[in-house]
Amino acid sequence: MRTATAITFALSLAALPVQAQDGKDELRQGAELLEKGMQLLLEGLIEELGPVILELQGKIVDLSAYYPPEILPNGDIIIRRKIPLEPAEPEKTVPEGEEIEL
């Protein structure tokens, strides 16, 4: 019985994969896997965000016309223009000569 157990144990040890003597191969393989994973992540981000970035590119104006953002105590964020825009004239909804009685 002992012989069968010893043979089974020896065969199970022989079936285990042979490991590198110094572990450098494992580190190299781990670094390669990490590099591939990062590359896939970045490619996915570029694929997903590429159209959004291109869309925003046409909407961004000259940022030098604005002061840096200010955060108010209530959490609001204000971005002020350095040179304010001219106020727009209100549109006339009632043609001239016609009045509305109240």
Protein backbone atom coordinates (compact mmCIF):
# COMPACT_ATOMS: atom_id res chain seq x y z
CA MET A 1 0.00 0.00 0.00
CA ARG A 2 2.84 2.35 0.83
CA THR A 3 4.43 1.72 -2.55
CA ALA A 4 1.26 2.67 -4.41
CA THR A 5 0.96 5.86 -2.39
CA ALA A 6 4.60 6.76 -3.07
CA ILE A 7 4.20 6.10 -6.79
CA THR A 8 1.01 8.21 -6.93
CA PHE A 9 2.75 11.04 -5.08
CA ALA A 10 5.78 10.88 -7.40
CA LEU A 11 3.57 10.93 -10.51
CA SER A 12 1.58 13.92 -9.21
CA LEU A 13 4.82 15.82 -8.60
CA ALA A 14 6.01 15.00 -12.10
CA ALA A 15 2.79 16.39 -13.52
CA LEU A 16 3.35 19.82 -11.95
CA PRO A 17 4.79 22.43 -14.33
CA VAL A 18 8.45 23.17 -13.99
CA GLN A 19 9.01 26.60 -12.51
CA ALA A 20 11.85 28.95 -13.43
CA GLN A 21 14.77 28.70 -11.12
CA ASP A 22 15.06 32.40 -10.39
CA GLY A 23 11.56 33.75 -11.12
CA LYS A 24 12.71 36.32 -13.70
CA ASP A 25 10.63 34.66 -16.40
CA GLU A 26 7.49 35.08 -14.28
CA LEU A 27 8.22 38.77 -13.74
CA ARG A 28 8.85 39.30 -17.45
CA GLN A 29 5.60 37.53 -18.35
CA GLY A 30 3.71 39.58 -15.78
CA ALA A 31 5.14 42.81 -17.16
CA GLU A 32 4.20 41.78 -20.71
CA LEU A 33 0.63 41.00 -19.62
CA LEU A 34 0.38 44.32 -17.82
CA GLU A 35 1.66 46.14 -20.91
CA LYS A 36 -0.89 44.37 -23.14
CA GLY A 37 -3.69 45.17 -20.70
CA MET A 38 -2.78 48.87 -20.57
CA GLN A 39 -2.55 49.00 -24.35
CA LEU A 40 -6.03 47.46 -24.69
CA LEU A 41 -7.40 49.89 -22.09
CA LEU A 42 -5.98 52.94 -23.87
CA GLU A 43 -7.19 51.72 -27.27
CA GLY A 44 -10.67 51.25 -25.83
CA LEU A 45 -10.66 54.73 -24.31
CA ILE A 46 -9.54 56.30 -27.58
CA GLU A 47 -12.23 54.39 -29.46
CA GLU A 48 -14.96 55.43 -27.00
CA LEU A 49 -13.90 59.04 -26.38
CA GLY A 50 -12.52 59.90 -29.83
CA PRO A 51 -15.83 61.09 -31.33
CA VAL A 52 -16.67 63.08 -28.19
CA ILE A 53 -13.31 64.86 -28.26
CA LEU A 54 -13.70 65.69 -31.95
CA GLU A 55 -17.17 67.10 -31.27
CA LEU A 56 -15.90 69.27 -28.41
CA GLN A 57 -12.99 70.50 -30.49
CA GLY A 58 -15.30 72.63 -32.64
CA LYS A 59 -17.14 74.08 -29.63
CA ILE A 60 -14.17 75.24 -27.57
CA VAL A 61 -13.47 78.95 -27.96
CA ASP A 62 -10.44 80.99 -27.03
CA LEU A 63 -9.99 80.35 -23.32
CA SER A 64 -7.75 83.40 -22.87
CA ALA A 65 -10.94 85.53 -22.97
CA TYR A 66 -11.95 84.13 -19.55
CA TYR A 67 -10.70 84.44 -15.98
CA PRO A 68 -9.96 81.23 -14.07
CA PRO A 69 -13.06 79.57 -12.57
CA GLU A 70 -14.21 80.70 -9.14
CA ILE A 71 -15.95 78.36 -6.72
CA LEU A 72 -18.49 80.10 -4.53
CA PRO A 73 -19.22 79.01 -0.92
CA ASN A 74 -22.49 77.39 -2.05
CA GLY A 75 -20.60 75.26 -4.59
CA ASP A 76 -21.53 77.21 -7.73
CA ILE A 77 -18.75 77.64 -10.27
CA ILE A 78 -18.48 80.97 -12.09
CA ILE A 79 -16.35 81.55 -15.18
CA ARG A 80 -16.21 85.27 -15.90
CA ARG A 81 -15.30 86.88 -19.22
CA LYS A 82 -12.43 89.36 -19.21
CA ILE A 83 -14.32 91.61 -21.62
CA PRO A 84 -18.08 91.41 -21.02
CA LEU A 85 -20.42 90.94 -23.96
CA GLU A 86 -22.70 93.77 -25.00
CA PRO A 87 -26.18 93.24 -23.57
CA ALA A 88 -28.61 92.04 -26.19
CA GLU A 89 -31.58 94.27 -26.93
CA PRO A 90 -34.86 92.70 -25.86
CA GLU A 91 -37.01 91.53 -28.73
CA LYS A 92 -40.23 93.37 -29.30
CA THR A 93 -43.09 90.93 -29.15
CA VAL A 94 -45.77 93.55 -29.84
CA PRO A 95 -45.59 95.45 -33.12
CA GLU A 96 -45.28 99.23 -32.81
CA GLY A 97 -48.59 101.06 -32.58
CA GLU A 98 -50.42 98.12 -31.04
CA GLU A 99 -50.78 98.15 -27.32
CA ILE A 100 -51.97 95.56 -24.91
CA GLU A 101 -54.58 96.61 -22.39
CA LEU A 102 -54.15 95.31 -18.94
